[in-house]
Amino acid sequence: MHLNPYGEYAVLLAASLANEWPESRDGIEARTRTFGMTMDFTSSRDDHSRTRDVIDSWLRVVDASSPVERAEILNMQMAEAAAYPRMTDHDGEGWHLHYRDLDQSLAHVLSAVIPVGTALHLSTRGMHRLRRCAAGEAPGDPCRAVVVDVTRNGRQRYCSVRCANRAAVRRHRARTASGTG
């Protein structure tokens, strides 16, 4: 049996694209391969710019101020994609589901897969498991990276060890300066 991991890989792919935007359509497609997408995509000359629009729209989900707003945005995005699940055996490795029509462009496929994957991730792991890096909340810290929390305990706040360490140093210095640490 082939289980489809749309929830995790799709949301991690979206975060990866948001955090480090590829310079070309080929770069986007290579990133989809890195995150486990194996199907071929129909090429469209505006895939790069349309995929950027998909990611910018998805960032509205990341930045939503409440679970209700987050769900409303995701529901709208899934309705706009107008793709429905279909069974496929495109790679000969077993039947599985795709949330896309056949022979659609890279941008169109991602406009369906990313919201569905994000909805699966949030509904199964928790609505709080998608955010911006907590380091960016500190004055003067420019980090705006997206954090997809796939940890067991659901408490990931930072995009990297580097950001977590910088935040810990800031907290330590603040305690030391105030005489409480």
N, C-alpha and C. Protein backbone atom coordinates (compact mmCIF):
# COMPACT_ATOMS: atom_id res chain seq x y z
N MET A 1 0.84 -1.17 0.00
CA MET A 1 0.00 0.00 0.00
C MET A 1 0.89 1.24 0.00
N HIS A 2 0.56 2.21 -0.81
CA HIS A 2 1.30 3.46 -0.92
C HIS A 2 0.48 4.54 -0.20
N LEU A 3 1.01 5.06 0.92
CA LEU A 3 0.32 6.14 1.61
C LEU A 3 0.82 7.47 1.08
N ASN A 4 -0.11 8.35 0.82
CA ASN A 4 0.25 9.63 0.23
C ASN A 4 0.53 10.66 1.34
N PRO A 5 1.74 11.19 1.40
CA PRO A 5 2.10 12.11 2.48
C PRO A 5 1.87 13.58 2.12
N TYR A 6 0.80 13.89 1.39
CA TYR A 6 0.57 15.27 0.97
C TYR A 6 0.71 16.26 2.12
N GLY A 7 0.25 15.91 3.30
CA GLY A 7 0.28 16.85 4.41
C GLY A 7 1.66 17.36 4.71
N GLU A 8 2.60 16.47 4.92
CA GLU A 8 3.92 16.91 5.34
C GLU A 8 4.76 17.45 4.20
N TYR A 9 4.89 16.70 3.11
CA TYR A 9 5.84 17.17 2.09
C TYR A 9 5.34 18.41 1.38
N ALA A 10 4.05 18.55 1.20
CA ALA A 10 3.54 19.72 0.48
C ALA A 10 3.75 20.99 1.28
N VAL A 11 3.51 20.93 2.58
CA VAL A 11 3.69 22.13 3.39
C VAL A 11 5.18 22.43 3.57
N LEU A 12 6.02 21.40 3.67
CA LEU A 12 7.47 21.63 3.73
C LEU A 12 8.00 22.20 2.42
N LEU A 13 7.46 21.73 1.30
CA LEU A 13 7.83 22.28 0.00
C LEU A 13 7.45 23.75 -0.08
N ALA A 14 6.24 24.08 0.33
CA ALA A 14 5.80 25.48 0.28
C ALA A 14 6.70 26.36 1.14
N ALA A 15 7.04 25.89 2.34
CA ALA A 15 7.92 26.67 3.21
C ALA A 15 9.30 26.82 2.58
N SER A 16 9.80 25.77 1.97
CA SER A 16 11.10 25.83 1.32
C SER A 16 11.10 26.87 0.20
N LEU A 17 10.05 26.87 -0.60
CA LEU A 17 9.95 27.86 -1.69
C LEU A 17 9.81 29.27 -1.13
N ALA A 18 9.04 29.42 -0.07
CA ALA A 18 8.86 30.74 0.54
C ALA A 18 10.16 31.26 1.15
N ASN A 19 10.92 30.38 1.76
CA ASN A 19 12.13 30.78 2.45
C ASN A 19 13.32 30.99 1.52
N GLU A 20 13.33 30.29 0.39
CA GLU A 20 14.45 30.41 -0.56
C GLU A 20 13.89 30.22 -1.96
N TRP A 21 13.48 31.33 -2.57
CA TRP A 21 12.83 31.30 -3.86
C TRP A 21 13.81 30.95 -4.98
N PRO A 22 13.51 29.92 -5.77
CA PRO A 22 14.39 29.54 -6.89
C PRO A 22 14.39 30.61 -7.99
N GLU A 23 15.49 30.67 -8.71
CA GLU A 23 15.63 31.68 -9.76
C GLU A 23 14.91 31.32 -11.05
N SER A 24 14.51 30.06 -11.20
CA SER A 24 13.91 29.64 -12.46
C SER A 24 12.84 28.58 -12.23
N ARG A 25 12.10 28.30 -13.29
CA ARG A 25 11.10 27.24 -13.24
C ARG A 25 11.78 25.90 -12.96
N ASP A 26 12.94 25.67 -13.59
CA ASP A 26 13.67 24.43 -13.35
C ASP A 26 14.04 24.28 -11.88
N GLY A 27 14.37 25.39 -11.23
CA GLY A 27 14.68 25.36 -9.81
C GLY A 27 13.47 24.97 -8.97
N ILE A 28 12.29 25.44 -9.37
CA ILE A 28 11.06 25.06 -8.66
C ILE A 28 10.82 23.57 -8.84
N GLU A 29 10.93 23.11 -10.07
CA GLU A 29 10.69 21.69 -10.33
C GLU A 29 11.70 20.82 -9.59
N ALA A 30 12.96 21.24 -9.55
CA ALA A 30 13.97 20.48 -8.80
C ALA A 30 13.59 20.42 -7.33
N ARG A 31 13.07 21.50 -6.80
CA ARG A 31 12.66 21.51 -5.39
C ARG A 31 11.50 20.56 -5.16
N THR A 32 10.57 20.47 -6.12
CA THR A 32 9.46 19.51 -5.95
C THR A 32 10.01 18.09 -5.87
N ARG A 33 11.05 17.81 -6.63
CA ARG A 33 11.67 16.47 -6.59
C ARG A 33 12.33 16.23 -5.23
N THR A 34 12.99 17.25 -4.70
CA THR A 34 13.63 17.13 -3.40
C THR A 34 12.62 16.75 -2.32
N PHE A 35 11.40 17.25 -2.47
CA PHE A 35 10.37 16.99 -1.47
C PHE A 35 9.46 15.83 -1.84
N GLY A 36 9.86 15.03 -2.82
CA GLY A 36 9.18 13.77 -3.06
C GLY A 36 8.13 13.73 -4.15
N MET A 37 7.94 14.81 -4.88
CA MET A 37 6.98 14.76 -5.99
C MET A 37 7.67 14.12 -7.19
N THR A 38 7.06 13.10 -7.75
CA THR A 38 7.71 12.34 -8.82
C THR A 38 7.05 12.52 -10.18
N MET A 39 5.87 13.11 -10.22
CA MET A 39 5.17 13.20 -11.50
C MET A 39 5.82 14.24 -12.42
N ASP A 40 5.57 14.10 -13.70
CA ASP A 40 6.01 15.09 -14.66
C ASP A 40 4.99 16.21 -14.69
N PHE A 41 5.46 17.43 -14.96
CA PHE A 41 4.60 18.59 -15.03
C PHE A 41 4.57 19.12 -16.45
N THR A 42 3.40 19.49 -16.91
CA THR A 42 3.29 20.18 -18.17
C THR A 42 3.92 21.55 -18.00
N SER A 43 4.75 21.95 -18.94
CA SER A 43 5.45 23.22 -18.83
C SER A 43 4.61 24.35 -19.38
N SER A 44 4.63 25.46 -18.66
CA SER A 44 3.95 26.67 -19.10
C SER A 44 4.95 27.81 -18.97
N ARG A 45 4.96 28.73 -19.91
CA ARG A 45 5.97 29.78 -19.91
C ARG A 45 5.88 30.70 -18.69
N ASP A 46 4.72 30.74 -18.04
CA ASP A 46 4.59 31.61 -16.87
C ASP A 46 4.59 30.84 -15.55
N ASP A 47 5.10 29.60 -15.55
CA ASP A 47 5.13 28.79 -14.33
C ASP A 47 5.88 29.47 -13.19
N HIS A 48 7.00 30.12 -13.49
CA HIS A 48 7.80 30.74 -12.44
C HIS A 48 6.99 31.84 -11.74
N SER A 49 6.41 32.75 -12.49
CA SER A 49 5.66 33.85 -11.88
C SER A 49 4.35 33.36 -11.26
N ARG A 50 3.70 32.41 -11.89
CA ARG A 50 2.44 31.89 -11.32
C ARG A 50 2.69 31.10 -10.04
N THR A 51 3.81 30.38 -9.97
CA THR A 51 4.13 29.67 -8.75
C THR A 51 4.47 30.66 -7.64
N ARG A 52 5.12 31.76 -7.98
CA ARG A 52 5.38 32.81 -6.98
C ARG A 52 4.05 33.32 -6.42
N ASP A 53 3.05 33.48 -7.29
CA ASP A 53 1.72 33.91 -6.83
C ASP A 53 1.11 32.87 -5.88
N VAL A 54 1.29 31.59 -6.19
CA VAL A 54 0.78 30.52 -5.32
C VAL A 54 1.42 30.63 -3.94
N ILE A 55 2.72 30.82 -3.90
CA ILE A 55 3.44 30.90 -2.63
C ILE A 55 3.05 32.16 -1.87
N ASP A 56 2.93 33.29 -2.57
CA ASP A 56 2.52 34.52 -1.90
C ASP A 56 1.11 34.38 -1.31
N SER A 57 0.24 33.72 -2.02
CA SER A 57 -1.11 33.47 -1.51
C SER A 57 -1.05 32.54 -0.29
N TRP A 58 -0.21 31.52 -0.36
CA TRP A 58 -0.05 30.59 0.75
C TRP A 58 0.49 31.29 1.99
N LEU A 59 1.34 32.28 1.81
CA LEU A 59 1.89 33.01 2.95
C LEU A 59 0.80 33.73 3.74
N ARG A 60 -0.33 34.00 3.11
CA ARG A 60 -1.47 34.56 3.85
C ARG A 60 -1.96 33.56 4.90
N VAL A 61 -1.86 32.26 4.60
CA VAL A 61 -2.22 31.22 5.57
C VAL A 61 -1.24 31.27 6.74
N VAL A 62 0.04 31.34 6.42
CA VAL A 62 1.08 31.39 7.46
C VAL A 62 0.84 32.58 8.38
N ASP A 63 0.50 33.71 7.81
CA ASP A 63 0.38 34.96 8.57
C ASP A 63 -1.01 35.21 9.13
N ALA A 64 -1.93 34.29 8.95
CA ALA A 64 -3.29 34.47 9.47
C ALA A 64 -3.25 34.67 10.98
N SER A 65 -4.15 35.49 11.47
CA SER A 65 -4.12 35.86 12.89
C SER A 65 -4.90 34.90 13.79
N SER A 66 -5.65 33.99 13.19
CA SER A 66 -6.41 33.04 14.02
C SER A 66 -6.63 31.74 13.24
N PRO A 67 -6.93 30.66 13.95
CA PRO A 67 -7.25 29.40 13.26
C PRO A 67 -8.44 29.54 12.31
N VAL A 68 -9.43 30.32 12.69
CA VAL A 68 -10.61 30.50 11.83
C VAL A 68 -10.21 31.20 10.54
N GLU A 69 -9.42 32.26 10.64
CA GLU A 69 -8.96 32.96 9.43
C GLU A 69 -8.10 32.04 8.58
N ARG A 70 -7.24 31.28 9.21
CA ARG A 70 -6.37 30.33 8.50
C ARG A 70 -7.22 29.32 7.72
N ALA A 71 -8.23 28.77 8.35
CA ALA A 71 -9.11 27.80 7.70
C ALA A 71 -9.88 28.44 6.55
N GLU A 72 -10.36 29.65 6.74
CA GLU A 72 -11.11 30.34 5.69
C GLU A 72 -10.24 30.55 4.45
N ILE A 73 -9.00 30.98 4.66
CA ILE A 73 -8.08 31.20 3.54
C ILE A 73 -7.79 29.88 2.83
N LEU A 74 -7.50 28.84 3.60
CA LEU A 74 -7.22 27.53 2.99
C LEU A 74 -8.43 27.00 2.23
N ASN A 75 -9.61 27.13 2.79
CA ASN A 75 -10.82 26.68 2.10
C ASN A 75 -11.00 27.41 0.77
N MET A 76 -10.74 28.72 0.77
CA MET A 76 -10.85 29.49 -0.46
C MET A 76 -9.81 29.01 -1.48
N GLN A 77 -8.58 28.78 -1.03
CA GLN A 77 -7.53 28.34 -1.95
C GLN A 77 -7.85 26.97 -2.53
N MET A 78 -8.36 26.07 -1.70
CA MET A 78 -8.69 24.73 -2.21
C MET A 78 -9.85 24.80 -3.20
N ALA A 79 -10.82 25.66 -2.95
CA ALA A 79 -11.94 25.81 -3.88
C ALA A 79 -11.47 26.41 -5.20
N GLU A 80 -10.56 27.37 -5.14
CA GLU A 80 -10.05 28.00 -6.36
C GLU A 80 -9.25 27.04 -7.22
N ALA A 81 -8.59 26.08 -6.59
CA ALA A 81 -7.78 25.12 -7.35
C ALA A 81 -8.67 24.23 -8.23
N ALA A 82 -9.88 23.99 -7.78
CA ALA A 82 -10.87 23.22 -8.54
C ALA A 82 -10.33 21.89 -9.05
N ALA A 83 -9.46 21.30 -8.28
CA ALA A 83 -8.96 19.96 -8.60
C ALA A 83 -9.62 18.99 -7.64
N TYR A 84 -9.79 17.80 -8.08
CA TYR A 84 -10.37 16.81 -7.20
C TYR A 84 -9.43 15.62 -7.14
N PRO A 85 -9.51 14.86 -6.05
CA PRO A 85 -8.59 13.72 -5.93
C PRO A 85 -8.84 12.70 -7.04
N ARG A 86 -7.77 12.10 -7.50
CA ARG A 86 -7.89 11.03 -8.50
C ARG A 86 -6.81 10.00 -8.24
N MET A 87 -7.15 8.76 -8.51
CA MET A 87 -6.18 7.68 -8.36
C MET A 87 -5.29 7.62 -9.59
N THR A 88 -4.00 7.33 -9.37
CA THR A 88 -3.06 7.25 -10.47
C THR A 88 -1.97 6.23 -10.15
N ASP A 89 -1.39 5.70 -11.20
CA ASP A 89 -0.23 4.82 -11.08
C ASP A 89 0.81 5.30 -12.09
N HIS A 90 1.04 6.61 -12.10
CA HIS A 90 1.89 7.22 -13.12
C HIS A 90 3.33 6.75 -13.10
N ASP A 91 3.83 6.31 -11.97
CA ASP A 91 5.24 5.94 -11.89
C ASP A 91 5.45 4.44 -11.75
N GLY A 92 4.37 3.66 -11.85
CA GLY A 92 4.47 2.22 -11.78
C GLY A 92 4.79 1.68 -10.39
N GLU A 93 4.72 2.53 -9.37
CA GLU A 93 5.06 2.11 -8.01
C GLU A 93 3.83 1.84 -7.16
N GLY A 94 2.68 1.84 -7.75
CA GLY A 94 1.47 1.55 -7.00
C GLY A 94 0.45 2.66 -7.10
N TRP A 95 -0.78 2.30 -6.92
CA TRP A 95 -1.87 3.25 -7.00
C TRP A 95 -1.85 4.18 -5.80
N HIS A 96 -2.08 5.45 -6.07
CA HIS A 96 -2.14 6.44 -5.00
C HIS A 96 -2.98 7.62 -5.48
N LEU A 97 -3.24 8.56 -4.57
CA LEU A 97 -4.07 9.72 -4.89
C LEU A 97 -3.22 10.91 -5.31
N HIS A 98 -3.74 11.65 -6.27
CA HIS A 98 -3.22 12.97 -6.63
C HIS A 98 -4.37 13.94 -6.51
N TYR A 99 -4.05 15.15 -6.06
CA TYR A 99 -5.05 16.21 -5.99
C TYR A 99 -4.80 17.16 -7.16
N ARG A 100 -4.97 16.65 -8.36
CA ARG A 100 -4.76 17.47 -9.55
C ARG A 100 -5.36 16.77 -10.75
N ASP A 101 -5.68 17.56 -11.76
CA ASP A 101 -6.10 17.00 -13.02
C ASP A 101 -4.86 16.55 -13.79
N LEU A 102 -5.06 15.77 -14.81
CA LEU A 102 -3.95 15.31 -15.63
C LEU A 102 -3.40 16.44 -16.49
N ASP A 103 -2.11 16.38 -16.78
CA ASP A 103 -1.44 17.29 -17.72
C ASP A 103 -1.65 18.77 -17.39
N GLN A 104 -1.50 19.13 -16.15
CA GLN A 104 -1.59 20.54 -15.80
C GLN A 104 -0.22 21.10 -15.50
N SER A 105 -0.11 22.41 -15.59
CA SER A 105 1.18 23.06 -15.40
C SER A 105 1.66 22.92 -13.95
N LEU A 106 2.93 23.14 -13.79
CA LEU A 106 3.56 23.09 -12.47
C LEU A 106 2.84 24.01 -11.48
N ALA A 107 2.61 25.24 -11.88
CA ALA A 107 1.95 26.21 -10.98
C ALA A 107 0.55 25.75 -10.61
N HIS A 108 -0.18 25.22 -11.57
CA HIS A 108 -1.55 24.77 -11.27
C HIS A 108 -1.53 23.57 -10.32
N VAL A 109 -0.62 22.65 -10.53
CA VAL A 109 -0.51 21.49 -9.64
C VAL A 109 -0.21 21.97 -8.22
N LEU A 110 0.75 22.88 -8.09
CA LEU A 110 1.12 23.35 -6.76
C LEU A 110 0.00 24.16 -6.11
N SER A 111 -0.83 24.83 -6.93
CA SER A 111 -1.96 25.58 -6.36
C SER A 111 -3.01 24.66 -5.76
N ALA A 112 -3.00 23.39 -6.15
CA ALA A 112 -3.90 22.40 -5.55
C ALA A 112 -3.23 21.64 -4.42
N VAL A 113 -2.01 21.19 -4.66
CA VAL A 113 -1.32 20.33 -3.70
C VAL A 113 -0.95 21.08 -2.41
N ILE A 114 -0.46 22.30 -2.52
CA ILE A 114 0.00 23.02 -1.34
C ILE A 114 -1.13 23.34 -0.37
N PRO A 115 -2.27 23.88 -0.81
CA PRO A 115 -3.35 24.11 0.16
C PRO A 115 -3.90 22.82 0.76
N VAL A 116 -4.04 21.78 -0.04
CA VAL A 116 -4.54 20.51 0.49
C VAL A 116 -3.55 19.96 1.51
N GLY A 117 -2.27 19.97 1.17
CA GLY A 117 -1.25 19.49 2.09
C GLY A 117 -1.21 20.30 3.37
N THR A 118 -1.34 21.61 3.24
CA THR A 118 -1.35 22.47 4.42
C THR A 118 -2.56 22.18 5.29
N ALA A 119 -3.72 22.00 4.67
CA ALA A 119 -4.93 21.68 5.42
C ALA A 119 -4.78 20.34 6.14
N LEU A 120 -4.20 19.35 5.48
CA LEU A 120 -3.97 18.05 6.13
C LEU A 120 -3.00 18.19 7.29
N HIS A 121 -1.93 18.93 7.07
CA HIS A 121 -0.93 19.14 8.12
C HIS A 121 -1.56 19.80 9.35
N LEU A 122 -2.29 20.88 9.13
CA LEU A 122 -2.86 21.63 10.24
C LEU A 122 -4.00 20.88 10.93
N SER A 123 -4.81 20.17 10.16
CA SER A 123 -5.94 19.47 10.77
C SER A 123 -5.50 18.21 11.51
N THR A 124 -4.38 17.62 11.13
CA THR A 124 -3.94 16.42 11.83
C THR A 124 -2.93 16.72 12.94
N ARG A 125 -2.12 17.76 12.78
CA ARG A 125 -1.08 18.05 13.78
C ARG A 125 -1.44 19.22 14.69
N GLY A 126 -2.29 20.12 14.22
CA GLY A 126 -2.69 21.28 15.02
C GLY A 126 -2.56 22.56 14.23
N MET A 127 -3.52 23.45 14.42
CA MET A 127 -3.57 24.70 13.67
C MET A 127 -2.41 25.64 14.01
N HIS A 128 -1.71 25.38 15.10
CA HIS A 128 -0.60 26.23 15.52
C HIS A 128 0.74 25.81 14.90
N ARG A 129 0.75 24.78 14.09
CA ARG A 129 2.02 24.23 13.62
C ARG A 129 2.51 24.81 12.30
N LEU A 130 2.22 26.06 12.09
CA LEU A 130 2.69 26.79 10.92
C LEU A 130 2.81 28.25 11.35
N ARG A 131 3.99 28.82 11.18
CA ARG A 131 4.21 30.17 11.67
C ARG A 131 5.45 30.77 11.05
N ARG A 132 5.71 32.02 11.39
CA ARG A 132 6.99 32.65 11.07
C ARG A 132 7.96 32.35 12.21
N CYS A 133 9.23 32.40 11.92
CA CYS A 133 10.26 32.16 12.92
C CYS A 133 10.09 33.13 14.08
N ALA A 134 10.13 32.61 15.30
CA ALA A 134 9.95 33.44 16.49
C ALA A 134 11.09 34.44 16.67
N ALA A 135 12.24 34.19 16.05
CA ALA A 135 13.34 35.15 16.15
C ALA A 135 12.95 36.49 15.54
N GLY A 136 12.09 36.48 14.55
CA GLY A 136 11.65 37.71 13.92
C GLY A 136 10.77 38.57 14.81
N GLU A 137 10.33 38.03 15.94
CA GLU A 137 9.51 38.79 16.88
C GLU A 137 10.38 39.73 17.72
N ALA A 138 11.67 39.46 17.76
CA ALA A 138 12.58 40.30 18.56
C ALA A 138 12.90 41.58 17.80
N PRO A 139 13.00 42.69 18.52
CA PRO A 139 13.36 43.96 17.86
C PRO A 139 14.70 43.83 17.14
N GLY A 140 14.72 44.25 15.91
CA GLY A 140 15.96 44.25 15.13
C GLY A 140 16.32 42.93 14.48
N ASP A 141 15.53 41.88 14.68
CA ASP A 141 15.84 40.60 14.04
C ASP A 141 14.98 40.47 12.78
N PRO A 142 15.61 40.40 11.63
CA PRO A 142 14.86 40.39 10.38
C PRO A 142 14.32 39.02 9.94
N CYS A 143 14.52 37.97 10.72
CA CYS A 143 14.13 36.64 10.25
C CYS A 143 12.62 36.54 10.07
N ARG A 144 12.20 36.22 8.86
CA ARG A 144 10.78 36.06 8.54
C ARG A 144 10.53 34.68 7.95
N ALA A 145 11.46 33.76 8.17
CA ALA A 145 11.34 32.42 7.59
C ALA A 145 10.09 31.72 8.11
N VAL A 146 9.54 30.86 7.27
CA VAL A 146 8.38 30.06 7.64
C VAL A 146 8.86 28.82 8.38
N VAL A 147 8.16 28.48 9.46
CA VAL A 147 8.47 27.29 10.25
C VAL A 147 7.28 26.35 10.15
N VAL A 148 7.54 25.15 9.66
CA VAL A 148 6.54 24.09 9.64
C VAL A 148 6.90 23.14 10.77
N ASP A 149 6.07 23.11 11.78
CA ASP A 149 6.37 22.30 12.95
C ASP A 149 5.96 20.86 12.71
N VAL A 150 6.95 19.99 12.53
CA VAL A 150 6.69 18.56 12.37
C VAL A 150 7.29 17.78 13.54
N THR A 151 7.60 18.51 14.62
CA THR A 151 8.18 17.86 15.79
C THR A 151 7.13 17.03 16.52
N ARG A 152 7.62 16.12 17.32
CA ARG A 152 6.72 15.26 18.10
C ARG A 152 5.93 16.06 19.13
N ASN A 153 6.57 17.02 19.80
CA ASN A 153 5.89 17.75 20.87
C ASN A 153 5.15 19.00 20.40
N GLY A 154 5.32 19.40 19.16
CA GLY A 154 4.58 20.54 18.62
C GLY A 154 4.99 21.88 19.17
N ARG A 155 6.26 22.06 19.48
CA ARG A 155 6.71 23.31 20.08
C ARG A 155 7.81 24.02 19.29
N GLN A 156 7.99 23.67 18.03
CA GLN A 156 9.04 24.31 17.25
C GLN A 156 8.67 25.76 16.98
N ARG A 157 9.57 26.66 17.33
CA ARG A 157 9.31 28.09 17.18
C ARG A 157 10.29 28.78 16.23
N TYR A 158 11.43 28.15 16.02
CA TYR A 158 12.49 28.78 15.25
C TYR A 158 12.75 28.00 13.96
N CYS A 159 13.23 28.71 12.95
CA CYS A 159 13.49 28.08 11.65
C CYS A 159 14.78 27.29 11.65
N SER A 160 15.67 27.62 12.59
CA SER A 160 16.99 26.97 12.59
C SER A 160 17.59 27.02 13.99
N VAL A 161 18.61 26.22 14.18
CA VAL A 161 19.35 26.25 15.44
C VAL A 161 19.98 27.63 15.61
N ARG A 162 20.45 28.21 14.53
CA ARG A 162 21.08 29.53 14.58
C ARG A 162 20.13 30.57 15.17
N CYS A 163 18.88 30.60 14.66
CA CYS A 163 17.91 31.56 15.18
C CYS A 163 17.56 31.27 16.64
N ALA A 164 17.43 30.01 16.99
CA ALA A 164 17.13 29.65 18.38
C ALA A 164 18.26 30.08 19.31
N ASN A 165 19.48 29.86 18.87
CA ASN A 165 20.64 30.26 19.68
C ASN A 165 20.73 31.78 19.85
N ARG A 166 20.49 32.52 18.77
CA ARG A 166 20.52 33.99 18.86
C ARG A 166 19.47 34.47 19.85
N ALA A 167 18.29 33.87 19.81
CA ALA A 167 17.22 34.27 20.73
C ALA A 167 17.61 33.94 22.18
N ALA A 168 18.23 32.80 22.40
CA ALA A 168 18.66 32.43 23.75
C ALA A 168 19.71 33.39 24.27
N VAL A 169 20.63 33.80 23.41
CA VAL A 169 21.66 34.76 23.80
C VAL A 169 21.01 36.10 24.15
N ARG A 170 20.03 36.54 23.35
CA ARG A 170 19.33 37.80 23.65
C ARG A 170 18.63 37.72 25.01
N ARG A 171 17.95 36.60 25.27
CA ARG A 171 17.26 36.44 26.56
C ARG A 171 18.27 36.46 27.71
N HIS A 172 19.39 35.76 27.54
CA HIS A 172 20.42 35.73 28.58
C HIS A 172 20.97 37.13 28.83
N ARG A 173 21.28 37.86 27.80
CA ARG A 173 21.81 39.21 27.95
C ARG A 173 20.80 40.13 28.64
N ALA A 174 19.53 39.96 28.30
CA ALA A 174 18.49 40.79 28.92
C ALA A 174 18.38 40.48 30.41
N ARG A 175 18.46 39.21 30.77
CA ARG A 175 18.42 38.83 32.19
C ARG A 175 19.64 39.36 32.92
N THR A 176 20.80 39.22 32.30
CA THR A 176 22.05 39.69 32.92
C THR A 176 22.02 41.21 33.12
N ALA A 177 21.53 41.92 32.11
CA ALA A 177 21.47 43.39 32.19
C ALA A 177 20.49 43.85 33.26
N SER A 178 19.42 43.08 33.49
CA SER A 178 18.43 43.48 34.48
C SER A 178 18.77 42.96 35.87
N GLY A 179 19.84 42.17 35.96
CA GLY A 179 20.27 41.65 37.24
C GLY A 179 19.47 40.47 37.75
N THR A 180 18.70 39.82 36.87
CA THR A 180 17.90 38.66 37.29
C THR A 180 18.52 37.35 36.85
N GLY A 181 19.67 37.38 36.21
CA GLY A 181 20.19 36.13 35.71
C GLY A 181 21.60 35.93 35.99
